[in-house]
Every structure is written in C-alpha cells, then in structure tokens.
C-alpha cells in the first residue's frame, strides 16, 4: 500500500518523510490553508529530493491555467484536484491528475469509480482537519483504486488495512502542529501501513 505525506512546507520534513518510506509528498497550493507553500519554495524542496518520489500539488477552486503554471513552476508530477471541477478543466490540464471525492455519505465512494481517486472526509476547509470516514462504508466496496484520506494516524490506520486500498494519504495525523511534521509519527505511520505494526 502506498503512502502520501501531505502538507509539506519545508525541506527537513520532506527528507524525513522520504527517509521514512513515503512514496509521495503533497504540497498545498491553496492560500487559505495553514499548510500553504509558495510554488517557488516547493520547487526548491523538490530539487533536493531523491528520484522516484511522486510530487503532488493540491489545488482548490482555481482554473486549469493556474494549475498548469503552478505545477510547472513547482516541478509537480501530479495535480490533486480538491474541488468539484467541470470536465472542461481536466481537458485543459497538461499534468496528470487525481480527482478527490469529499465524501458526505457512502454513495459518494462510487464517484469516479473507474479512476484512481482520493477519498477524503468532507470538511468545509478542504481537508487537514483530522475528520475520518466511517470504516464500515468500505464494506463490499472495490477499494483497489481508492487512496484513503481524512483523520488517519499511526494508531487508527491499522484497522483500515483490512481494506485493500491503493494507498493512504496523511497530513494532520503526523504533525507537531499545522505545517510542521513529526519525524517519529511519520516513521510510525509508514511502518504500520507497510508492515502492519510499528
């Protein structure tokens, strides 16, 4: 199962996450987020990452030109579209993308079910608030193309391992405070996901 550490704001956290075994790092380009990072600063971090690490830019309520420009400036490899966007926006993107389902009910899990997608618990602030999805929603659901997000940490992610998700996405669950990661929590989280225990 793959692991994305989201909300990276500094080089130390980025390198600690990669060293712990993260497959992807998330950079938030949503200015209202406490984890917002300037594209130029993200680029400086990305330049110092080892190879084979996915760099994911998170976008909220912006147009395709904005996504394309920021993704290119920041050297992102994937765009996470964290809002309900029209199909016309996706057609204009020059970067591979992931749609996000902000789930309010079990039926929402089936949106975009033909594609790989992030499924996050609905919150008004577009994530990072530690809210979880009811695990029973996933009973009988094909989880092989779902990346689960929302309220995960090293203590509760173990119970989600019975569902064969493609990956998990964590932010607040491995933080000391908003925008600053905790090295030990990242290590513990990834150990549980990859090995089933700390």
N, C-alpha and C. Protein backbone atom coordinates (compact mmCIF):
# COMPACT_ATOMS: atom_id res chain seq x y z
N UNK A 1 0.85 -1.19 0.00
CA UNK A 1 0.00 0.00 0.00
C UNK A 1 0.89 1.24 0.00
N UNK A 2 0.57 2.19 -0.85
CA UNK A 2 1.40 3.38 -0.99
C UNK A 2 1.00 4.46 0.03
N UNK A 3 1.98 5.30 0.38
CA UNK A 3 1.75 6.33 1.39
C UNK A 3 2.13 7.70 0.83
N UNK A 4 1.19 8.64 0.99
CA UNK A 4 1.46 10.04 0.67
C UNK A 4 1.43 10.85 1.96
N UNK A 5 2.49 11.63 2.17
CA UNK A 5 2.53 12.58 3.28
C UNK A 5 2.21 13.95 2.70
N UNK A 6 1.09 14.52 3.11
CA UNK A 6 0.64 15.78 2.52
C UNK A 6 0.93 16.96 3.45
N UNK A 7 0.93 18.15 2.86
CA UNK A 7 1.13 19.36 3.64
C UNK A 7 2.58 19.64 3.95
N UNK A 8 3.48 19.27 3.04
CA UNK A 8 4.92 19.53 3.23
C UNK A 8 5.19 21.02 3.03
N UNK A 9 5.89 21.61 3.98
CA UNK A 9 6.19 23.06 3.91
C UNK A 9 7.67 23.37 4.01
N UNK A 10 8.50 22.35 4.27
CA UNK A 10 9.93 22.63 4.45
C UNK A 10 10.75 21.40 4.06
N UNK A 11 12.03 21.63 3.78
CA UNK A 11 12.91 20.58 3.29
C UNK A 11 13.13 19.48 4.33
N UNK A 12 13.29 19.86 5.58
CA UNK A 12 13.54 18.86 6.63
C UNK A 12 12.42 17.82 6.67
N UNK A 13 11.17 18.29 6.68
CA UNK A 13 10.03 17.37 6.71
C UNK A 13 9.99 16.51 5.46
N UNK A 14 10.29 17.10 4.31
CA UNK A 14 10.27 16.35 3.05
C UNK A 14 11.28 15.21 3.09
N UNK A 15 12.49 15.50 3.50
CA UNK A 15 13.53 14.47 3.54
C UNK A 15 13.25 13.42 4.61
N UNK A 16 12.70 13.85 5.75
CA UNK A 16 12.34 12.89 6.80
C UNK A 16 11.24 11.94 6.31
N UNK A 17 10.27 12.49 5.56
CA UNK A 17 9.18 11.66 5.03
C UNK A 17 9.71 10.63 4.04
N UNK A 18 10.58 11.06 3.16
CA UNK A 18 11.15 10.15 2.17
C UNK A 18 12.00 9.07 2.85
N UNK A 19 12.79 9.49 3.82
CA UNK A 19 13.62 8.54 4.55
C UNK A 19 12.76 7.50 5.28
N UNK A 20 11.60 7.93 5.76
CA UNK A 20 10.68 7.02 6.46
C UNK A 20 10.00 6.05 5.51
N UNK A 21 10.04 6.35 4.21
CA UNK A 21 9.46 5.44 3.22
C UNK A 21 8.25 5.96 2.47
N UNK A 22 7.99 7.27 2.54
CA UNK A 22 6.87 7.83 1.81
C UNK A 22 7.06 7.67 0.30
N UNK A 23 5.98 7.31 -0.38
CA UNK A 23 6.01 7.17 -1.84
C UNK A 23 5.73 8.49 -2.54
N UNK A 24 5.01 9.38 -1.85
CA UNK A 24 4.61 10.65 -2.45
C UNK A 24 4.58 11.73 -1.39
N UNK A 25 4.87 12.96 -1.81
CA UNK A 25 4.77 14.14 -0.95
C UNK A 25 3.75 15.09 -1.53
N UNK A 26 2.93 15.68 -0.66
CA UNK A 26 1.91 16.62 -1.11
C UNK A 26 2.26 18.04 -0.73
N UNK A 27 2.06 18.96 -1.68
CA UNK A 27 2.32 20.39 -1.48
C UNK A 27 1.01 21.15 -1.71
N UNK A 28 0.62 21.95 -0.73
CA UNK A 28 -0.69 22.60 -0.76
C UNK A 28 -0.57 23.99 -1.38
N UNK A 29 -1.20 24.17 -2.54
CA UNK A 29 -1.20 25.47 -3.21
C UNK A 29 -2.56 26.15 -3.07
N UNK A 30 -3.13 26.03 -1.89
CA UNK A 30 -4.41 26.65 -1.54
C UNK A 30 -4.10 27.69 -0.46
N UNK A 31 -4.23 28.96 -0.82
CA UNK A 31 -3.72 30.03 0.03
C UNK A 31 -4.40 30.14 1.38
N UNK A 32 -5.60 29.61 1.52
CA UNK A 32 -6.29 29.69 2.80
C UNK A 32 -5.88 28.58 3.78
N UNK A 33 -5.03 27.70 3.33
CA UNK A 33 -4.58 26.59 4.19
C UNK A 33 -3.39 27.01 5.04
N UNK A 34 -3.33 26.55 6.30
CA UNK A 34 -2.15 26.81 7.12
C UNK A 34 -0.91 26.07 6.61
N UNK A 35 -1.12 25.16 5.67
CA UNK A 35 0.00 24.41 5.09
C UNK A 35 0.36 24.93 3.68
N UNK A 36 -0.14 26.10 3.35
CA UNK A 36 0.15 26.68 2.02
C UNK A 36 1.64 26.87 1.84
N UNK A 37 2.11 26.60 0.62
CA UNK A 37 3.50 26.82 0.28
C UNK A 37 3.57 27.55 -1.06
N UNK A 38 4.49 28.47 -1.18
CA UNK A 38 4.70 29.17 -2.46
C UNK A 38 5.27 28.19 -3.48
N UNK A 39 4.84 28.29 -4.73
CA UNK A 39 5.37 27.38 -5.75
C UNK A 39 6.90 27.41 -5.85
N UNK A 40 7.47 28.58 -5.70
CA UNK A 40 8.93 28.71 -5.79
C UNK A 40 9.63 27.97 -4.65
N UNK A 41 9.03 28.04 -3.46
CA UNK A 41 9.61 27.32 -2.31
C UNK A 41 9.47 25.82 -2.49
N UNK A 42 8.33 25.40 -3.01
CA UNK A 42 8.14 23.97 -3.28
C UNK A 42 9.17 23.47 -4.28
N UNK A 43 9.44 24.28 -5.29
CA UNK A 43 10.43 23.91 -6.31
C UNK A 43 11.80 23.69 -5.67
N UNK A 44 12.18 24.56 -4.74
CA UNK A 44 13.48 24.43 -4.08
C UNK A 44 13.56 23.13 -3.29
N UNK A 45 12.46 22.75 -2.66
CA UNK A 45 12.42 21.48 -1.93
C UNK A 45 12.53 20.30 -2.91
N UNK A 46 11.73 20.35 -3.97
CA UNK A 46 11.69 19.26 -4.95
C UNK A 46 13.06 19.03 -5.57
N UNK A 47 13.81 20.10 -5.81
CA UNK A 47 15.14 19.99 -6.41
C UNK A 47 16.08 19.12 -5.58
N UNK A 48 15.81 19.05 -4.28
CA UNK A 48 16.71 18.33 -3.37
C UNK A 48 16.19 16.95 -2.97
N UNK A 49 15.08 16.52 -3.61
CA UNK A 49 14.54 15.20 -3.32
C UNK A 49 15.27 14.13 -4.14
N UNK A 50 15.36 12.91 -3.62
CA UNK A 50 15.91 11.82 -4.41
C UNK A 50 14.92 11.43 -5.52
N UNK A 51 15.37 10.62 -6.49
CA UNK A 51 14.47 10.20 -7.57
C UNK A 51 13.38 9.24 -7.08
N UNK A 52 12.35 9.09 -7.92
CA UNK A 52 11.25 8.15 -7.71
C UNK A 52 10.29 8.55 -6.59
N UNK A 53 10.27 9.82 -6.25
CA UNK A 53 9.29 10.31 -5.27
C UNK A 53 8.24 11.14 -6.03
N UNK A 54 6.97 10.74 -5.91
CA UNK A 54 5.89 11.49 -6.57
C UNK A 54 5.70 12.82 -5.86
N UNK A 55 5.55 13.91 -6.65
CA UNK A 55 5.32 15.25 -6.08
C UNK A 55 3.93 15.70 -6.49
N UNK A 56 3.07 15.85 -5.49
CA UNK A 56 1.65 16.09 -5.74
C UNK A 56 1.26 17.50 -5.29
N UNK A 57 0.75 18.28 -6.23
CA UNK A 57 0.26 19.62 -5.91
C UNK A 57 -1.23 19.60 -5.64
N UNK A 58 -1.64 20.15 -4.51
CA UNK A 58 -3.06 20.19 -4.15
C UNK A 58 -3.65 21.55 -4.52
N UNK A 59 -4.78 21.51 -5.25
CA UNK A 59 -5.40 22.74 -5.76
C UNK A 59 -6.86 22.81 -5.37
N UNK A 60 -7.31 24.02 -5.03
CA UNK A 60 -8.71 24.26 -4.65
C UNK A 60 -9.23 25.49 -5.38
N UNK A 61 -10.33 25.32 -6.11
CA UNK A 61 -11.06 26.44 -6.72
C UNK A 61 -10.21 27.37 -7.57
N UNK A 62 -9.42 26.77 -8.47
CA UNK A 62 -8.63 27.56 -9.41
C UNK A 62 -8.85 27.00 -10.81
N UNK A 63 -8.43 27.75 -11.83
CA UNK A 63 -8.65 27.29 -13.20
C UNK A 63 -7.46 26.46 -13.71
N UNK A 64 -7.63 25.89 -14.87
CA UNK A 64 -6.62 25.00 -15.43
C UNK A 64 -5.30 25.71 -15.70
N UNK A 65 -5.37 26.95 -16.17
CA UNK A 65 -4.14 27.69 -16.44
C UNK A 65 -3.33 27.87 -15.16
N UNK A 66 -4.02 28.17 -14.06
CA UNK A 66 -3.36 28.33 -12.77
C UNK A 66 -2.70 27.03 -12.34
N UNK A 67 -3.42 25.93 -12.48
CA UNK A 67 -2.88 24.62 -12.11
C UNK A 67 -1.66 24.28 -12.96
N UNK A 68 -1.77 24.50 -14.26
CA UNK A 68 -0.65 24.20 -15.15
C UNK A 68 0.58 25.03 -14.81
N UNK A 69 0.39 26.32 -14.60
CA UNK A 69 1.51 27.22 -14.34
C UNK A 69 2.20 26.88 -13.02
N UNK A 70 1.41 26.71 -11.96
CA UNK A 70 2.00 26.40 -10.66
C UNK A 70 2.67 25.03 -10.68
N UNK A 71 2.04 24.05 -11.31
CA UNK A 71 2.63 22.71 -11.37
C UNK A 71 3.98 22.73 -12.08
N UNK A 72 4.07 23.51 -13.15
CA UNK A 72 5.33 23.60 -13.87
C UNK A 72 6.38 24.35 -13.07
N UNK A 73 5.98 25.45 -12.44
CA UNK A 73 6.91 26.22 -11.61
C UNK A 73 7.46 25.38 -10.46
N UNK A 74 6.59 24.62 -9.82
CA UNK A 74 6.96 23.87 -8.62
C UNK A 74 7.47 22.46 -8.93
N UNK A 75 7.55 22.10 -10.21
CA UNK A 75 8.03 20.77 -10.62
C UNK A 75 7.19 19.63 -10.04
N UNK A 76 5.88 19.80 -10.07
CA UNK A 76 4.99 18.75 -9.60
C UNK A 76 4.89 17.65 -10.66
N UNK A 77 4.64 16.43 -10.22
CA UNK A 77 4.44 15.32 -11.15
C UNK A 77 2.97 14.93 -11.25
N UNK A 78 2.13 15.46 -10.34
CA UNK A 78 0.72 15.10 -10.30
C UNK A 78 -0.05 16.25 -9.67
N UNK A 79 -1.26 16.50 -10.17
CA UNK A 79 -2.13 17.53 -9.59
C UNK A 79 -3.30 16.86 -8.89
N UNK A 80 -3.54 17.26 -7.65
CA UNK A 80 -4.67 16.76 -6.87
C UNK A 80 -5.76 17.82 -6.91
N UNK A 81 -6.86 17.51 -7.59
CA UNK A 81 -7.93 18.49 -7.79
C UNK A 81 -8.94 18.32 -6.66
N UNK A 82 -8.81 19.18 -5.66
CA UNK A 82 -9.55 19.01 -4.40
C UNK A 82 -10.85 19.81 -4.38
N UNK A 83 -11.53 19.85 -5.52
CA UNK A 83 -12.82 20.54 -5.61
C UNK A 83 -13.58 19.97 -6.79
N UNK A 84 -14.88 20.23 -6.83
CA UNK A 84 -15.70 19.74 -7.93
C UNK A 84 -15.47 20.61 -9.16
N UNK A 85 -14.71 20.09 -10.08
CA UNK A 85 -14.35 20.85 -11.28
C UNK A 85 -15.09 20.30 -12.49
N UNK A 86 -15.41 21.16 -13.46
CA UNK A 86 -16.05 20.68 -14.69
C UNK A 86 -15.07 19.89 -15.54
N UNK A 87 -15.58 19.03 -16.39
CA UNK A 87 -14.72 18.21 -17.24
C UNK A 87 -13.83 19.06 -18.13
N UNK A 88 -14.32 20.25 -18.48
CA UNK A 88 -13.53 21.13 -19.33
C UNK A 88 -12.20 21.49 -18.69
N UNK A 89 -12.18 21.59 -17.37
CA UNK A 89 -10.93 21.91 -16.68
C UNK A 89 -9.93 20.77 -16.87
N UNK A 90 -10.38 19.54 -16.67
CA UNK A 90 -9.46 18.40 -16.79
C UNK A 90 -8.90 18.29 -18.20
N UNK A 91 -9.71 18.63 -19.19
CA UNK A 91 -9.26 18.54 -20.58
C UNK A 91 -8.13 19.52 -20.89
N UNK A 92 -8.05 20.60 -20.12
CA UNK A 92 -7.03 21.62 -20.35
C UNK A 92 -5.74 21.38 -19.57
N UNK A 93 -5.77 20.42 -18.67
CA UNK A 93 -4.58 20.19 -17.84
C UNK A 93 -3.46 19.56 -18.65
N UNK A 94 -2.25 20.04 -18.41
CA UNK A 94 -1.07 19.49 -19.06
C UNK A 94 -0.32 18.55 -18.12
N UNK A 95 -0.89 18.27 -16.97
CA UNK A 95 -0.27 17.42 -15.97
C UNK A 95 -1.25 16.31 -15.59
N UNK A 96 -0.70 15.14 -15.30
CA UNK A 96 -1.54 14.04 -14.83
C UNK A 96 -2.23 14.48 -13.54
N UNK A 97 -3.46 13.99 -13.33
CA UNK A 97 -4.21 14.50 -12.18
C UNK A 97 -4.97 13.40 -11.44
N UNK A 98 -5.32 13.71 -10.20
CA UNK A 98 -6.16 12.86 -9.36
C UNK A 98 -7.37 13.67 -8.94
N UNK A 99 -8.56 13.08 -9.10
CA UNK A 99 -9.76 13.71 -8.58
C UNK A 99 -9.93 13.34 -7.11
N UNK A 100 -10.57 14.23 -6.36
CA UNK A 100 -10.81 13.99 -4.94
C UNK A 100 -12.31 13.93 -4.69
N UNK A 101 -12.73 12.90 -3.99
CA UNK A 101 -14.11 12.77 -3.54
C UNK A 101 -14.16 13.20 -2.08
N UNK A 102 -14.89 14.27 -1.81
CA UNK A 102 -15.07 14.73 -0.42
C UNK A 102 -16.37 14.11 0.06
N UNK A 103 -16.24 12.93 0.68
CA UNK A 103 -17.40 12.07 0.92
C UNK A 103 -18.24 12.52 2.11
N UNK A 104 -19.53 12.71 1.82
CA UNK A 104 -20.52 13.01 2.86
C UNK A 104 -21.33 11.78 3.24
N UNK A 105 -21.38 10.79 2.32
CA UNK A 105 -22.15 9.57 2.56
C UNK A 105 -21.51 8.43 1.78
N UNK A 106 -21.94 7.20 2.08
CA UNK A 106 -21.34 6.03 1.45
C UNK A 106 -21.46 6.05 -0.06
N UNK A 107 -22.56 6.57 -0.57
CA UNK A 107 -22.78 6.60 -2.02
C UNK A 107 -21.71 7.42 -2.74
N UNK A 108 -21.12 8.38 -2.04
CA UNK A 108 -20.08 9.21 -2.65
C UNK A 108 -18.84 8.40 -3.03
N UNK A 109 -18.64 7.26 -2.39
CA UNK A 109 -17.46 6.44 -2.68
C UNK A 109 -17.43 5.96 -4.12
N UNK A 110 -18.60 5.95 -4.76
CA UNK A 110 -18.68 5.40 -6.12
C UNK A 110 -18.50 6.47 -7.19
N UNK A 111 -18.28 7.71 -6.78
CA UNK A 111 -17.97 8.76 -7.76
C UNK A 111 -16.60 8.49 -8.38
N UNK A 112 -16.52 8.67 -9.67
CA UNK A 112 -15.26 8.44 -10.42
C UNK A 112 -14.71 7.03 -10.19
N UNK A 113 -15.58 6.03 -9.98
CA UNK A 113 -15.10 4.71 -9.58
C UNK A 113 -14.27 4.03 -10.65
N UNK A 114 -14.31 4.54 -11.88
CA UNK A 114 -13.49 3.96 -12.94
C UNK A 114 -12.04 4.44 -12.88
N UNK A 115 -11.76 5.41 -12.01
CA UNK A 115 -10.44 6.03 -11.96
C UNK A 115 -9.82 5.90 -10.57
N UNK A 116 -8.51 6.03 -10.52
CA UNK A 116 -7.84 6.20 -9.24
C UNK A 116 -8.26 7.55 -8.68
N UNK A 117 -8.60 7.59 -7.39
CA UNK A 117 -9.04 8.84 -6.80
C UNK A 117 -8.76 8.85 -5.30
N UNK A 118 -8.69 10.06 -4.75
CA UNK A 118 -8.56 10.22 -3.31
C UNK A 118 -9.96 10.35 -2.73
N UNK A 119 -10.23 9.61 -1.67
CA UNK A 119 -11.50 9.73 -0.96
C UNK A 119 -11.19 10.31 0.42
N UNK A 120 -11.72 11.49 0.67
CA UNK A 120 -11.46 12.23 1.89
C UNK A 120 -12.78 12.51 2.60
N UNK A 121 -12.72 12.66 3.91
CA UNK A 121 -13.91 13.03 4.67
C UNK A 121 -14.26 14.48 4.35
N UNK A 122 -15.54 14.76 4.14
CA UNK A 122 -15.96 16.12 3.81
C UNK A 122 -15.78 17.05 5.02
N UNK A 123 -15.05 18.15 4.78
CA UNK A 123 -14.99 19.26 5.74
C UNK A 123 -15.01 20.54 4.92
N UNK A 124 -15.57 21.59 5.49
CA UNK A 124 -15.68 22.86 4.76
C UNK A 124 -14.31 23.42 4.36
N UNK A 125 -13.28 23.12 5.16
CA UNK A 125 -11.96 23.71 4.93
C UNK A 125 -11.11 22.94 3.93
N UNK A 126 -11.68 21.96 3.26
CA UNK A 126 -10.97 21.17 2.24
C UNK A 126 -9.83 20.33 2.82
N UNK A 127 -10.08 19.68 3.95
CA UNK A 127 -9.12 18.72 4.47
C UNK A 127 -8.20 19.28 5.53
N UNK A 128 -7.38 18.36 6.08
CA UNK A 128 -6.41 18.74 7.09
C UNK A 128 -6.98 19.00 8.46
N UNK A 129 -8.22 18.54 8.70
CA UNK A 129 -8.87 18.78 9.99
C UNK A 129 -8.97 17.52 10.85
N UNK A 130 -8.46 16.41 10.35
CA UNK A 130 -8.45 15.18 11.14
C UNK A 130 -9.79 14.46 11.20
N UNK A 131 -10.70 14.75 10.29
CA UNK A 131 -12.00 14.08 10.29
C UNK A 131 -11.91 12.78 9.51
N UNK A 132 -12.48 11.71 10.08
CA UNK A 132 -12.41 10.38 9.48
C UNK A 132 -13.71 9.98 8.80
N UNK A 133 -13.56 9.06 7.85
CA UNK A 133 -14.71 8.42 7.21
C UNK A 133 -15.04 7.16 8.01
N UNK A 134 -16.31 6.86 8.15
CA UNK A 134 -16.76 5.64 8.83
C UNK A 134 -16.20 4.43 8.07
N UNK A 135 -15.35 3.62 8.72
CA UNK A 135 -14.75 2.47 8.01
C UNK A 135 -15.76 1.51 7.41
N UNK A 136 -16.94 1.38 8.03
CA UNK A 136 -17.91 0.42 7.51
C UNK A 136 -18.44 0.82 6.14
N UNK A 137 -18.26 2.07 5.74
CA UNK A 137 -18.67 2.49 4.41
C UNK A 137 -17.97 1.66 3.33
N UNK A 138 -16.78 1.15 3.64
CA UNK A 138 -15.97 0.47 2.63
C UNK A 138 -16.27 -1.02 2.54
N UNK A 139 -17.15 -1.52 3.40
CA UNK A 139 -17.52 -2.93 3.33
C UNK A 139 -18.14 -3.24 1.97
N UNK A 140 -17.59 -4.21 1.26
CA UNK A 140 -18.13 -4.61 -0.03
C UNK A 140 -17.79 -3.67 -1.18
N UNK A 141 -16.93 -2.66 -0.94
CA UNK A 141 -16.56 -1.70 -1.98
C UNK A 141 -15.20 -2.09 -2.58
N UNK A 142 -15.07 -1.96 -3.90
CA UNK A 142 -13.78 -2.18 -4.55
C UNK A 142 -12.87 -0.99 -4.19
N UNK A 143 -11.89 -1.25 -3.33
CA UNK A 143 -11.01 -0.18 -2.83
C UNK A 143 -9.69 -0.09 -3.59
N UNK A 144 -9.52 -0.90 -4.63
CA UNK A 144 -8.22 -1.02 -5.28
C UNK A 144 -7.77 0.25 -6.00
N UNK A 145 -8.70 1.17 -6.26
CA UNK A 145 -8.32 2.44 -6.90
C UNK A 145 -8.57 3.63 -5.98
N UNK A 146 -8.75 3.36 -4.71
CA UNK A 146 -9.01 4.43 -3.74
C UNK A 146 -7.76 4.72 -2.93
N UNK A 147 -7.45 5.99 -2.78
CA UNK A 147 -6.43 6.46 -1.85
C UNK A 147 -7.20 7.10 -0.70
N UNK A 148 -7.11 6.52 0.46
CA UNK A 148 -7.92 6.97 1.60
C UNK A 148 -7.23 8.12 2.32
N UNK A 149 -8.01 9.18 2.60
CA UNK A 149 -7.51 10.33 3.36
C UNK A 149 -8.53 10.69 4.43
N UNK A 150 -8.09 11.49 5.38
CA UNK A 150 -9.02 12.01 6.38
C UNK A 150 -8.86 11.39 7.75
N UNK A 151 -8.18 12.11 8.65
CA UNK A 151 -8.13 11.72 10.05
C UNK A 151 -7.30 10.49 10.37
N UNK A 152 -6.41 10.10 9.48
CA UNK A 152 -5.58 8.92 9.73
C UNK A 152 -4.37 9.25 10.59
N UNK A 153 -3.97 8.28 11.39
CA UNK A 153 -2.73 8.39 12.17
C UNK A 153 -2.21 6.97 12.43
N UNK A 154 -1.05 6.86 13.08
CA UNK A 154 -0.44 5.56 13.29
C UNK A 154 -1.29 4.65 14.16
N UNK A 155 -2.14 5.25 14.98
CA UNK A 155 -2.97 4.45 15.89
C UNK A 155 -4.21 3.87 15.20
N UNK A 156 -4.82 4.63 14.29
CA UNK A 156 -6.08 4.13 13.70
C UNK A 156 -5.94 3.58 12.29
N UNK A 157 -4.80 3.77 11.65
CA UNK A 157 -4.69 3.30 10.26
C UNK A 157 -4.67 1.77 10.19
N UNK A 158 -4.25 1.13 11.27
CA UNK A 158 -4.16 -0.34 11.25
C UNK A 158 -5.51 -0.98 10.92
N UNK A 159 -6.59 -0.42 11.47
CA UNK A 159 -7.91 -1.02 11.23
C UNK A 159 -8.37 -0.86 9.79
N UNK A 160 -7.73 0.08 9.06
CA UNK A 160 -8.10 0.27 7.66
C UNK A 160 -7.34 -0.67 6.73
N UNK A 161 -6.34 -1.37 7.25
CA UNK A 161 -5.51 -2.22 6.39
C UNK A 161 -6.25 -3.45 5.89
N UNK A 162 -7.38 -3.78 6.51
CA UNK A 162 -8.17 -4.92 6.02
C UNK A 162 -8.83 -4.61 4.68
N UNK A 163 -8.93 -3.33 4.36
CA UNK A 163 -9.48 -2.92 3.06
C UNK A 163 -8.29 -2.69 2.11
N UNK A 164 -8.33 -3.29 0.92
CA UNK A 164 -7.17 -3.21 0.01
C UNK A 164 -7.09 -1.89 -0.77
N UNK A 165 -6.90 -0.79 -0.04
CA UNK A 165 -6.76 0.50 -0.71
C UNK A 165 -5.49 0.53 -1.55
N UNK A 166 -5.52 1.34 -2.61
CA UNK A 166 -4.29 1.56 -3.38
C UNK A 166 -3.26 2.30 -2.52
N UNK A 167 -3.75 3.23 -1.70
CA UNK A 167 -2.84 3.99 -0.86
C UNK A 167 -3.57 4.75 0.23
N UNK A 168 -2.80 5.38 1.09
CA UNK A 168 -3.35 6.23 2.14
C UNK A 168 -2.62 7.57 2.10
N UNK A 169 -3.33 8.61 2.55
CA UNK A 169 -2.85 9.99 2.47
C UNK A 169 -3.02 10.61 3.86
N UNK A 170 -1.93 11.09 4.45
CA UNK A 170 -1.98 11.62 5.81
C UNK A 170 -1.36 13.01 5.87
N UNK A 171 -1.94 13.86 6.72
CA UNK A 171 -1.39 15.19 6.93
C UNK A 171 -1.37 15.52 8.42
N UNK A 172 -2.53 15.88 8.98
CA UNK A 172 -2.58 16.30 10.38
C UNK A 172 -2.18 15.20 11.35
N UNK A 173 -2.37 13.93 10.96
CA UNK A 173 -2.07 12.81 11.84
C UNK A 173 -0.61 12.56 12.10
N UNK A 174 0.27 13.26 11.35
CA UNK A 174 1.71 13.11 11.57
C UNK A 174 2.37 14.48 11.79
N UNK A 175 1.63 15.38 12.41
CA UNK A 175 2.13 16.73 12.63
C UNK A 175 2.39 17.03 14.10
N UNK A 176 3.38 17.89 14.34
CA UNK A 176 3.57 18.51 15.66
C UNK A 176 2.58 19.66 15.81
N UNK A 177 2.44 20.40 14.72
CA UNK A 177 1.48 21.49 14.62
C UNK A 177 1.21 21.67 13.13
N UNK A 178 0.20 22.46 12.79
CA UNK A 178 -0.16 22.63 11.38
C UNK A 178 1.02 23.19 10.58
N UNK A 179 1.45 22.42 9.60
CA UNK A 179 2.55 22.86 8.76
C UNK A 179 3.91 22.32 9.17
N UNK A 180 4.00 21.65 10.33
CA UNK A 180 5.28 21.07 10.79
C UNK A 180 5.06 19.61 11.13
N UNK A 181 5.77 18.74 10.42
CA UNK A 181 5.61 17.31 10.63
C UNK A 181 6.41 16.82 11.84
N UNK A 182 6.02 15.64 12.32
CA UNK A 182 6.70 14.97 13.41
C UNK A 182 7.41 13.75 12.83
N UNK A 183 8.73 13.74 12.90
CA UNK A 183 9.51 12.68 12.26
C UNK A 183 9.13 11.29 12.77
N UNK A 184 8.99 11.15 14.07
CA UNK A 184 8.66 9.84 14.66
C UNK A 184 7.27 9.39 14.24
N UNK A 185 6.31 10.33 14.23
CA UNK A 185 4.95 9.98 13.82
C UNK A 185 4.90 9.54 12.37
N UNK A 186 5.68 10.19 11.51
CA UNK A 186 5.73 9.76 10.10
C UNK A 186 6.32 8.36 10.00
N UNK A 187 7.40 8.11 10.74
CA UNK A 187 8.02 6.79 10.71
C UNK A 187 7.04 5.72 11.20
N UNK A 188 6.36 6.00 12.30
CA UNK A 188 5.42 5.03 12.86
C UNK A 188 4.25 4.76 11.92
N UNK A 189 3.73 5.83 11.32
CA UNK A 189 2.60 5.69 10.40
C UNK A 189 2.99 4.78 9.22
N UNK A 190 4.13 5.05 8.64
CA UNK A 190 4.55 4.28 7.46
C UNK A 190 4.87 2.85 7.83
N UNK A 191 5.47 2.62 9.00
CA UNK A 191 5.73 1.25 9.44
C UNK A 191 4.44 0.44 9.57
N UNK A 192 3.41 1.06 10.14
CA UNK A 192 2.12 0.36 10.29
C UNK A 192 1.53 0.02 8.92
N UNK A 193 1.55 0.99 8.00
CA UNK A 193 0.97 0.77 6.67
C UNK A 193 1.75 -0.30 5.90
N UNK A 194 3.06 -0.23 5.95
CA UNK A 194 3.89 -1.15 5.16
C UNK A 194 4.06 -2.52 5.81
N UNK A 195 4.10 -2.55 7.16
CA UNK A 195 4.43 -3.79 7.86
C UNK A 195 3.31 -4.29 8.77
N UNK A 196 2.28 -3.47 8.99
CA UNK A 196 1.20 -3.88 9.87
C UNK A 196 1.46 -3.63 11.34
N UNK A 197 2.64 -3.10 11.65
CA UNK A 197 2.97 -2.81 13.05
C UNK A 197 4.12 -1.81 13.12
N UNK A 198 4.28 -1.18 14.28
CA UNK A 198 5.39 -0.23 14.50
C UNK A 198 6.64 -1.01 14.89
